[in-house]
Amino acid sequence: MAIFNMPEASKRKISIITPCFNEQDNVADVYGQVKAVFLGLSNYEYEHIFIDNASRDKTVEILKKIAQEDKRVKIIVNTRNFGHIRSPYHALMQAGGDAAVFLAADLQEPPALIVDFVKKWQEGFKVVIGIKNKSDESPAMFLMRKAYYNILKRFAEIEHVSNYNGFGLYDRNVIEALRKFDEPYPYFRSMINEVGFERAELKYTQAERKKGKSRNSFYVLYDMAMLGFVNNSKVPLRLASFIGFGMSIFSFLIALVYLIRKLIHWQDFQLGLAPLVVGIFFLGSIQLFFIGVLGEYVGAIYTQTKKRPLVIEKERINF
């Protein structure tokens, strides 16, 4: 039974975007669940765009078999793995629908929530996002993510949404606004807040991955975290200046105290090596930390200046 009743002439199209890399155990399931959702949204057309980051398993082979039978399934295969930032965004730029929905291949986000996304979209919201209020993943990992979001929220120069990973629906007007950014390494979550369209937020429980293995290594998570800071805040750079200024005053006061004590107790007061060694290592670690922070910003600038394409495609199917 159709949930929404619209005349045939007013049918609107929704693009579902699913990035994947070595997801042979999940792509057929995510395709089937999306198809089932749109059986209930029969007055909407849809296309399901899978963008594959040069998988080394049977992901592409499975997708090609599905695409032969269902022309609504469209496939982009990249020449190599272009990463978790660039590839999904490239697929978004290829979406032909009146709105687009990001849906990960691991099925940790519920495809059934697309129905509620569409309802909010029909109410006039240009952006409808999913917020993880609970998670079946490791409690420690969920708490770490929550702590990161809270820190970023305090430092960000624009509004930042906690527990939001990109899962949501985005109107065509939003997509066209994002196109103007011309970002070679786009941090999608902050860009959505940057464009400023009114949004609706829907809460959901993130499921535990049931099949396959997550490719989100420590480095991948670190890259995402640092990209969030670099794109949203100059506070770390300014913090380096504030701490440097504060440490210089503190060091001057310590030196003054040592000088006075030495003058008063010239024969008895020994400077000792321990304070010098501890001070040198402490100041050295502070310097290295902020050199690393500065390097992150320089790296972001370097990436921007290269102006390379988001991905290089190997082939397209059903476009």
Protein backbone atom coordinates (compact mmCIF):
# COMPACT_ATOMS: atom_id res chain seq x y z
CA MET A 1 0.00 0.00 0.00
CA ALA A 2 1.39 3.40 -0.97
CA ILE A 3 2.08 5.74 1.93
CA PHE A 4 1.80 8.90 -0.16
CA ASN A 5 -0.77 9.46 -2.89
CA MET A 6 0.28 11.79 -5.66
CA PRO A 7 -0.88 12.06 -9.27
CA GLU A 8 1.41 10.38 -11.82
CA ALA A 9 2.53 13.70 -13.30
CA SER A 10 3.86 14.92 -9.96
CA LYS A 11 6.06 11.91 -9.20
CA ARG A 12 9.36 12.92 -7.67
CA LYS A 13 12.62 11.02 -7.85
CA ILE A 14 14.89 10.14 -4.94
CA SER A 15 18.51 9.09 -5.33
CA ILE A 16 19.86 6.59 -2.79
CA ILE A 17 23.66 6.76 -2.55
CA THR A 18 25.58 3.82 -1.11
CA PRO A 19 29.38 3.94 -0.96
CA CYS A 20 31.02 0.54 -0.69
CA PHE A 21 34.40 -1.12 -0.39
CA ASN A 22 34.69 -4.89 0.04
CA GLU A 23 31.02 -5.21 1.04
CA GLN A 24 30.13 -8.42 -0.80
CA ASP A 25 28.19 -9.66 2.23
CA ASN A 26 25.96 -6.58 2.44
CA VAL A 27 25.29 -4.99 -0.96
CA ALA A 28 22.52 -7.42 -1.93
CA ASP A 29 20.84 -6.93 1.46
CA VAL A 30 20.97 -3.14 1.31
CA TYR A 31 19.60 -3.22 -2.24
CA GLY A 32 16.74 -5.49 -1.16
CA GLN A 33 15.83 -3.39 1.87
CA VAL A 34 15.80 -0.17 -0.16
CA LYS A 35 13.63 -1.81 -2.79
CA ALA A 36 11.20 -2.93 -0.08
CA VAL A 37 11.04 0.61 1.31
CA PHE A 38 10.06 2.04 -2.07
CA LEU A 39 7.32 -0.55 -2.52
CA GLY A 40 5.62 1.44 0.25
CA LEU A 41 6.56 4.70 -1.49
CA SER A 42 5.13 3.62 -4.81
CA ASN A 43 4.31 7.17 -5.88
CA TYR A 44 8.02 8.01 -5.83
CA GLU A 45 10.61 7.03 -8.37
CA TYR A 46 14.07 6.16 -7.19
CA GLU A 47 17.55 5.29 -8.33
CA HIS A 48 20.10 3.44 -6.24
CA ILE A 49 23.65 4.60 -6.91
CA PHE A 50 26.43 2.36 -5.65
CA ILE A 51 29.93 3.85 -5.84
CA ASP A 52 32.64 1.25 -5.36
CA ASN A 53 36.15 2.16 -4.20
CA ALA A 54 37.93 -0.57 -6.21
CA SER A 55 36.81 -3.47 -4.04
CA ARG A 56 39.02 -6.55 -4.04
CA ASP A 57 36.22 -9.01 -3.31
CA LYS A 58 33.04 -9.85 -5.28
CA THR A 59 31.21 -6.59 -4.50
CA VAL A 60 31.26 -5.28 -8.08
CA GLU A 61 30.39 -8.68 -9.53
CA ILE A 62 27.30 -8.90 -7.29
CA LEU A 63 26.27 -5.34 -8.11
CA LYS A 64 26.56 -5.94 -11.85
CA LYS A 65 24.24 -8.95 -11.62
CA ILE A 66 21.70 -6.83 -9.72
CA ALA A 67 22.03 -3.97 -12.22
CA GLN A 68 21.32 -6.30 -15.14
CA GLU A 69 17.93 -7.11 -13.67
CA ASP A 70 17.08 -3.69 -12.21
CA LYS A 71 17.94 -0.60 -14.26
CA ARG A 72 17.25 1.61 -11.25
CA VAL A 73 20.54 0.34 -9.84
CA LYS A 74 23.46 2.44 -11.08
CA ILE A 75 27.09 1.67 -10.46
CA ILE A 76 30.24 3.78 -10.45
CA VAL A 77 33.50 1.84 -10.12
CA ASN A 78 36.57 3.85 -9.21
CA THR A 79 40.02 3.09 -10.62
CA ARG A 80 41.42 2.86 -7.07
CA ASN A 81 40.38 3.46 -3.48
CA PHE A 82 39.89 7.23 -3.25
CA GLY A 83 38.91 7.10 0.40
CA HIS A 84 35.84 7.55 2.54
CA ILE A 85 35.66 11.34 2.06
CA ARG A 86 35.89 11.91 -1.69
CA SER A 87 34.07 8.90 -3.13
CA PRO A 88 30.63 9.36 -1.47
CA TYR A 89 30.64 13.07 -2.24
CA HIS A 90 31.40 12.37 -5.92
CA ALA A 91 28.39 10.05 -6.05
CA LEU A 92 26.22 12.78 -4.53
CA MET A 93 27.25 15.12 -7.35
CA GLN A 94 26.03 12.51 -9.88
CA ALA A 95 22.59 12.10 -8.28
CA GLY A 96 19.72 12.90 -10.63
CA GLY A 97 16.87 12.89 -8.14
CA ASP A 98 14.88 15.72 -6.60
CA ALA A 99 16.51 14.64 -3.35
CA ALA A 100 19.32 12.30 -2.34
CA VAL A 101 19.78 9.98 0.64
CA PHE A 102 23.13 8.75 1.96
CA LEU A 103 22.89 5.15 3.15
CA ALA A 104 25.98 3.14 4.16
CA ALA A 105 26.39 -0.40 2.86
CA ASP A 106 26.97 -1.91 6.31
CA LEU A 107 23.27 -1.53 7.28
CA GLN A 108 24.10 0.05 10.62
CA GLU A 109 21.70 2.83 9.62
CA PRO A 110 18.10 1.61 9.13
CA PRO A 111 16.82 1.92 5.52
CA ALA A 112 13.27 1.98 6.92
CA LEU A 113 13.97 5.49 8.23
CA ILE A 114 13.89 6.72 4.60
CA VAL A 115 10.09 6.78 4.88
CA ASP A 116 10.28 9.27 7.75
CA PHE A 117 12.91 11.29 5.86
CA VAL A 118 10.51 11.62 2.94
CA LYS A 119 7.66 12.70 5.22
CA LYS A 120 9.75 15.52 6.64
CA TRP A 121 10.91 16.46 3.16
CA GLN A 122 7.29 16.73 2.04
CA GLU A 123 6.67 19.04 5.00
CA GLY A 124 9.17 21.45 3.46
CA PHE A 125 12.49 20.63 5.13
CA LYS A 126 15.40 20.77 2.68
CA VAL A 127 17.66 18.75 4.99
CA VAL A 128 16.53 15.77 7.07
CA ILE A 129 19.25 14.05 9.06
CA GLY A 130 19.51 10.99 11.27
CA ILE A 131 20.93 11.41 14.78
CA LYS A 132 22.34 8.41 16.66
CA ASN A 133 20.81 8.63 20.12
CA LYS A 134 21.84 5.03 20.90
CA SER A 135 24.22 2.51 19.41
CA ASP A 136 24.63 -1.25 19.56
CA GLU A 137 28.36 -0.88 18.85
CA SER A 138 31.05 -0.99 21.55
CA PRO A 139 30.02 1.29 24.47
CA ALA A 140 33.60 2.55 24.71
CA MET A 141 33.65 3.55 21.04
CA PHE A 142 30.26 5.27 21.32
CA LEU A 143 31.48 7.27 24.35
CA MET A 144 34.67 8.25 22.51
CA ARG A 145 32.64 9.48 19.53
CA LYS A 146 30.31 11.39 21.84
CA ALA A 147 33.26 13.04 23.61
CA TYR A 148 34.77 14.06 20.27
CA TYR A 149 31.49 15.58 19.08
CA ASN A 150 31.16 17.54 22.32
CA ILE A 151 34.70 18.94 22.02
CA LEU A 152 34.21 19.86 18.37
CA LYS A 153 30.86 21.46 19.18
CA ARG A 154 32.60 23.78 21.67
CA PHE A 155 35.38 24.75 19.28
CA ALA A 156 33.50 24.90 15.96
CA GLU A 157 32.89 28.33 14.43
CA ILE A 158 29.63 27.17 12.89
CA GLU A 159 26.98 24.93 14.44
CA HIS A 160 28.02 21.31 14.62
CA VAL A 161 25.55 18.44 15.05
CA SER A 162 26.56 15.71 17.48
CA ASN A 163 26.16 12.01 16.60
CA TYR A 164 25.52 12.76 12.93
CA ASN A 165 27.53 10.87 10.32
CA GLY A 166 25.92 12.00 7.05
CA PHE A 167 22.93 9.65 7.05
CA GLY A 168 20.02 11.76 5.85
CA LEU A 169 18.01 13.23 2.97
CA TYR A 170 19.15 16.31 1.03
CA ASP A 171 17.01 18.32 -1.35
CA ARG A 172 18.16 19.19 -4.88
CA ASN A 173 18.60 22.83 -3.79
CA VAL A 174 21.07 21.67 -1.13
CA ILE A 175 23.01 19.57 -3.63
CA GLU A 176 23.31 22.52 -6.02
CA ALA A 177 24.47 24.76 -3.17
CA LEU A 178 27.14 22.20 -2.23
CA ARG A 179 28.30 22.05 -5.84
CA LYS A 180 29.42 25.69 -5.56
CA PHE A 181 31.93 24.83 -2.81
CA ASP A 182 34.35 23.15 -5.24
CA GLU A 183 35.98 21.20 -2.40
CA PRO A 184 38.66 18.62 -3.39
CA TYR A 185 38.49 17.00 0.08
CA PRO A 186 35.03 17.87 1.39
CA TYR A 187 33.98 17.46 5.02
CA PHE A 188 30.33 16.87 4.22
CA ARG A 189 28.93 17.18 7.76
CA SER A 190 30.15 20.73 8.27
CA MET A 191 29.22 21.75 4.71
CA ILE A 192 25.58 20.85 5.41
CA ASN A 193 25.60 23.29 8.34
CA GLU A 194 27.45 25.86 6.26
CA VAL A 195 24.72 26.08 3.58
CA GLY A 196 22.25 26.90 6.34
CA PHE A 197 19.01 25.31 5.13
CA GLU A 198 16.42 24.55 7.80
CA ARG A 199 16.72 20.93 8.85
CA ALA A 200 14.74 18.26 10.65
CA GLU A 201 16.42 15.75 12.94
CA LEU A 202 15.24 12.18 13.43
CA LYS A 203 16.71 9.94 16.11
CA TYR A 204 17.57 6.30 15.58
CA THR A 205 19.53 3.47 17.17
CA GLN A 206 22.64 2.50 15.25
CA ALA A 207 22.71 -1.26 14.72
CA GLU A 208 25.77 -3.42 15.15
CA ARG A 209 27.44 -4.53 11.92
CA LYS A 210 26.25 -8.09 11.34
CA LYS A 211 28.19 -9.05 8.21
CA GLY A 212 31.65 -8.24 6.98
CA LYS A 213 34.34 -6.22 8.69
CA SER A 214 34.51 -2.46 9.13
CA ARG A 215 37.24 -0.72 7.11
CA ASN A 216 37.28 2.24 9.48
CA SER A 217 40.80 1.79 10.85
CA PHE A 218 42.30 4.04 13.52
CA TYR A 219 43.92 6.15 10.79
CA VAL A 220 40.61 6.56 8.95
CA LEU A 221 38.86 7.68 12.14
CA TYR A 222 41.76 10.01 12.98
CA ASP A 223 41.61 11.51 9.48
CA MET A 224 37.90 12.22 9.88
CA ALA A 225 38.41 13.71 13.35
CA MET A 226 41.21 16.05 12.29
CA LEU A 227 39.35 17.04 9.12
CA GLY A 228 36.44 18.06 11.33
CA PHE A 229 38.66 20.34 13.43
CA VAL A 230 40.57 21.83 10.50
CA ASN A 231 37.39 22.61 8.57
CA ASN A 232 35.41 23.95 11.49
CA SER A 233 37.75 25.81 13.81
CA LYS A 234 40.88 27.96 14.05
CA VAL A 235 40.91 27.48 17.83
CA PRO A 236 43.82 24.95 17.85
CA LEU A 237 46.04 27.49 16.07
CA ARG A 238 45.08 30.28 18.43
CA LEU A 239 45.44 27.93 21.38
CA ALA A 240 49.08 27.46 20.42
CA SER A 241 49.62 31.22 20.65
CA PHE A 242 47.81 31.48 24.00
CA ILE A 243 49.69 28.56 25.54
CA GLY A 244 52.99 29.83 24.19
CA PHE A 245 52.36 33.26 25.71
CA GLY A 246 51.24 31.73 29.01
CA MET A 247 54.24 29.40 29.18
CA SER A 248 56.64 32.26 28.51
CA ILE A 249 55.20 34.20 31.47
CA PHE A 250 55.27 31.09 33.67
CA SER A 251 58.88 30.34 32.69
CA PHE A 252 59.90 33.91 33.43
CA LEU A 253 58.32 33.75 36.90
CA ILE A 254 60.01 30.41 37.68
CA ALA A 255 63.35 31.80 36.53
CA LEU A 256 62.83 34.89 38.71
CA VAL A 257 62.05 32.73 41.77
CA TYR A 258 65.16 30.63 41.18
CA LEU A 259 67.29 33.78 40.79
CA ILE A 260 66.03 35.33 44.02
CA ARG A 261 66.49 32.09 45.99
CA LYS A 262 69.98 31.67 44.59
CA LEU A 263 70.93 35.23 45.55
CA ILE A 264 69.59 34.80 49.09
CA HIS A 265 70.95 31.27 49.63
CA TRP A 266 74.00 31.37 47.39
CA GLN A 267 75.94 28.62 49.13
CA ASP A 268 73.07 26.31 50.11
CA PHE A 269 70.61 26.44 47.19
CA GLN A 270 71.34 23.93 44.42
CA LEU A 271 69.62 24.29 41.04
CA GLY A 272 69.78 20.60 40.22
CA LEU A 273 69.33 18.91 36.84
CA ALA A 274 65.84 17.46 37.41
CA PRO A 275 63.92 20.76 36.89
CA LEU A 276 65.93 21.49 33.76
CA VAL A 277 65.35 18.02 32.23
CA VAL A 278 61.62 18.02 33.06
CA GLY A 279 61.22 21.55 31.71
CA ILE A 280 63.03 20.78 28.45
CA PHE A 281 60.98 17.64 27.77
CA PHE A 282 57.73 19.37 28.69
CA LEU A 283 58.34 22.37 26.43
CA GLY A 284 59.58 20.08 23.66
CA SER A 285 56.39 17.98 23.77
CA ILE A 286 54.23 21.13 23.66
CA GLN A 287 56.15 22.37 20.64
CA LEU A 288 55.87 19.04 18.80
CA PHE A 289 52.15 18.87 19.49
CA PHE A 290 51.45 22.28 18.01
CA ILE A 291 53.80 21.70 15.09
CA GLY A 292 51.59 18.68 14.35
CA VAL A 293 48.46 20.84 14.60
CA LEU A 294 50.02 23.41 12.29
CA GLY A 295 50.93 20.59 9.91
CA GLU A 296 47.27 19.53 9.71
CA TYR A 297 46.27 23.02 8.57
CA VAL A 298 49.15 23.23 6.10
CA GLY A 299 48.17 19.81 4.76
CA ALA A 300 44.58 20.97 4.29
CA ILE A 301 45.79 24.03 2.37
CA TYR A 302 48.05 21.81 0.25
CA THR A 303 45.13 19.53 -0.60
CA GLN A 304 43.03 22.53 -1.63
CA THR A 305 45.71 23.94 -3.92
CA LYS A 306 46.23 20.67 -5.83
CA LYS A 307 42.72 20.91 -7.31
CA ARG A 308 42.59 17.23 -8.18
CA PRO A 309 39.29 15.55 -9.11
CA LEU A 310 37.36 13.80 -6.37
CA VAL A 311 37.75 10.40 -8.06
CA ILE A 312 38.73 8.85 -11.38
CA GLU A 313 36.04 6.51 -12.66
CA LYS A 314 36.84 3.15 -14.21
CA GLU A 315 33.33 2.47 -15.47
CA ARG A 316 29.66 3.39 -15.12
CA ILE A 317 26.67 1.14 -15.41
CA ASN A 318 23.02 2.10 -16.10
CA PHE A 319 23.67 5.86 -16.20
